[in-house]
Amino acid sequence: MKIEEIRSKTDSELGYEMDRMERDLFDQRFRAAVESAKSPAMITQLRRSIARIKTVLHERRGGIRGQEAR
């Protein structure tokens, strides 16, 4: 997920996306441990997307950068 997409969403939408991605990350890690991973790069992409969402939420809470109207 690109940073522009993340910044265009509301906090509740970001919370939902983060929960979904964290579940997907858990599933990917579990599959990688049990069987051979079909796409090991997916774990890295999920981790980075979760970090981007957390960063944007932190910026909004701290007033560093507000939510742009779109």
C-alpha atoms as a PDB file:
ATOM      1  CA  MET A   1       0.000   0.000   0.000  1.00  0.00           C
ATOM      2  CA  LYS A   2       1.393   3.363  -1.022  1.00  0.00           C
ATOM      3  CA  ILE A   3       1.715   6.254   1.416  1.00  0.00           C
ATOM      4  CA  GLU A   4      -0.701   8.372  -0.646  1.00  0.00           C
ATOM      5  CA  GLU A   5      -3.373   5.692  -0.266  1.00  0.00           C
ATOM      6  CA  ILE A   6      -2.768   5.515   3.468  1.00  0.00           C
ATOM      7  CA  ARG A   7      -2.954   9.268   3.979  1.00  0.00           C
ATOM      8  CA  SER A   8      -6.221   9.483   2.031  1.00  0.00           C
ATOM      9  CA  LYS A   9      -8.002   7.099   4.449  1.00  0.00           C
ATOM     10  CA  THR A  10      -9.623   7.886   7.777  1.00  0.00           C
ATOM     11  CA  ASP A  11      -8.316   6.610  11.099  1.00  0.00           C
ATOM     12  CA  SER A  12     -11.028   3.952  11.371  1.00  0.00           C
ATOM     13  CA  GLU A  13     -10.280   2.681   7.867  1.00  0.00           C
ATOM     14  CA  LEU A  14      -6.583   2.538   8.721  1.00  0.00           C
ATOM     15  CA  GLY A  15      -7.334   0.612  11.913  1.00  0.00           C
ATOM     16  CA  TYR A  16      -9.341  -1.922   9.942  1.00  0.00           C
ATOM     17  CA  GLU A  17      -6.604  -2.264   7.302  1.00  0.00           C
ATOM     18  CA  MET A  18      -3.922  -2.676   9.968  1.00  0.00           C
ATOM     19  CA  ASP A  19      -5.893  -5.440  11.710  1.00  0.00           C
ATOM     20  CA  ARG A  20      -6.397  -7.243   8.401  1.00  0.00           C
ATOM     21  CA  MET A  21      -2.721  -6.937   7.490  1.00  0.00           C
ATOM     22  CA  GLU A  22      -1.579  -8.158  10.906  1.00  0.00           C
ATOM     23  CA  ARG A  23      -3.764 -11.264  10.512  1.00  0.00           C
ATOM     24  CA  ASP A  24      -2.360 -11.822   7.020  1.00  0.00           C
ATOM     25  CA  LEU A  25       1.178 -11.406   8.359  1.00  0.00           C
ATOM     26  CA  PHE A  26       0.507 -13.997  11.060  1.00  0.00           C
ATOM     27  CA  ASP A  27      -0.861 -16.418   8.462  1.00  0.00           C
ATOM     28  CA  GLN A  28       2.126 -15.851   6.161  1.00  0.00           C
ATOM     29  CA  ARG A  29       4.605 -16.424   8.989  1.00  0.00           C
ATOM     30  CA  PHE A  30       2.765 -19.544  10.080  1.00  0.00           C
ATOM     31  CA  ARG A  31       2.765 -20.934   6.542  1.00  0.00           C
ATOM     32  CA  ALA A  32       6.462 -20.122   6.166  1.00  0.00           C
ATOM     33  CA  ALA A  33       7.245 -22.063   9.345  1.00  0.00           C
ATOM     34  CA  VAL A  34       5.112 -25.074   8.482  1.00  0.00           C
ATOM     35  CA  GLU A  35       5.661 -25.362   4.746  1.00  0.00           C
ATOM     36  CA  SER A  36       7.737 -23.700   2.102  1.00  0.00           C
ATOM     37  CA  ALA A  37       6.795 -20.069   1.539  1.00  0.00           C
ATOM     38  CA  LYS A  38       5.416 -19.376  -1.898  1.00  0.00           C
ATOM     39  CA  SER A  39       6.115 -15.664  -1.633  1.00  0.00           C
ATOM     40  CA  PRO A  40       8.626 -14.721   1.069  1.00  0.00           C
ATOM     41  CA  ALA A  41       8.630 -11.115  -0.152  1.00  0.00           C
ATOM     42  CA  MET A  42       4.985 -10.817   0.916  1.00  0.00           C
ATOM     43  CA  ILE A  43       6.039 -10.893   4.580  1.00  0.00           C
ATOM     44  CA  THR A  44       8.328  -7.908   4.018  1.00  0.00           C
ATOM     45  CA  GLN A  45       5.640  -5.997   2.119  1.00  0.00           C
ATOM     46  CA  LEU A  46       3.098  -6.587   4.884  1.00  0.00           C
ATOM     47  CA  ARG A  47       5.539  -5.505   7.591  1.00  0.00           C
ATOM     48  CA  ARG A  48       6.355  -2.285   5.745  1.00  0.00           C
ATOM     49  CA  SER A  49       2.700  -1.480   5.054  1.00  0.00           C
ATOM     50  CA  ILE A  50       1.845  -1.979   8.734  1.00  0.00           C
ATOM     51  CA  ALA A  51       4.735   0.305   9.694  1.00  0.00           C
ATOM     52  CA  ARG A  52       3.523   2.984   7.261  1.00  0.00           C
ATOM     53  CA  ILE A  53       0.018   2.854   8.720  1.00  0.00           C
ATOM     54  CA  LYS A  54       1.354   3.103  12.269  1.00  0.00           C
ATOM     55  CA  THR A  55       3.529   6.060  11.263  1.00  0.00           C
ATOM     56  CA  VAL A  56       0.620   7.963   9.718  1.00  0.00           C
ATOM     57  CA  LEU A  57      -1.590   7.285  12.763  1.00  0.00           C
ATOM     58  CA  HIS A  58       1.198   8.479  15.060  1.00  0.00           C
ATOM     59  CA  GLU A  59       1.669  11.644  12.985  1.00  0.00           C
ATOM     60  CA  ARG A  60      -2.034  12.397  13.187  1.00  0.00           C
ATOM     61  CA  ARG A  61      -2.195  11.852  16.948  1.00  0.00           C
ATOM     62  CA  GLY A  62       0.820  14.076  17.505  1.00  0.00           C
ATOM     63  CA  GLY A  63      -0.440  16.786  15.218  1.00  0.00           C
ATOM     64  CA  ILE A  64       2.654  16.529  13.065  1.00  0.00           C
ATOM     65  CA  ARG A  65       0.658  16.091   9.908  1.00  0.00           C
ATOM     66  CA  GLY A  66      -3.108  16.229   9.683  1.00  0.00           C
ATOM     67  CA  GLN A  67      -5.404  14.284   7.488  1.00  0.00           C
ATOM     68  CA  GLU A  68      -5.544  15.798   4.048  1.00  0.00           C
ATOM     69  CA  ALA A  69      -9.016  16.198   2.603  1.00  0.00           C
ATOM     70  CA  ARG A  70      -9.587  14.068  -0.466  1.00  0.00           C
END
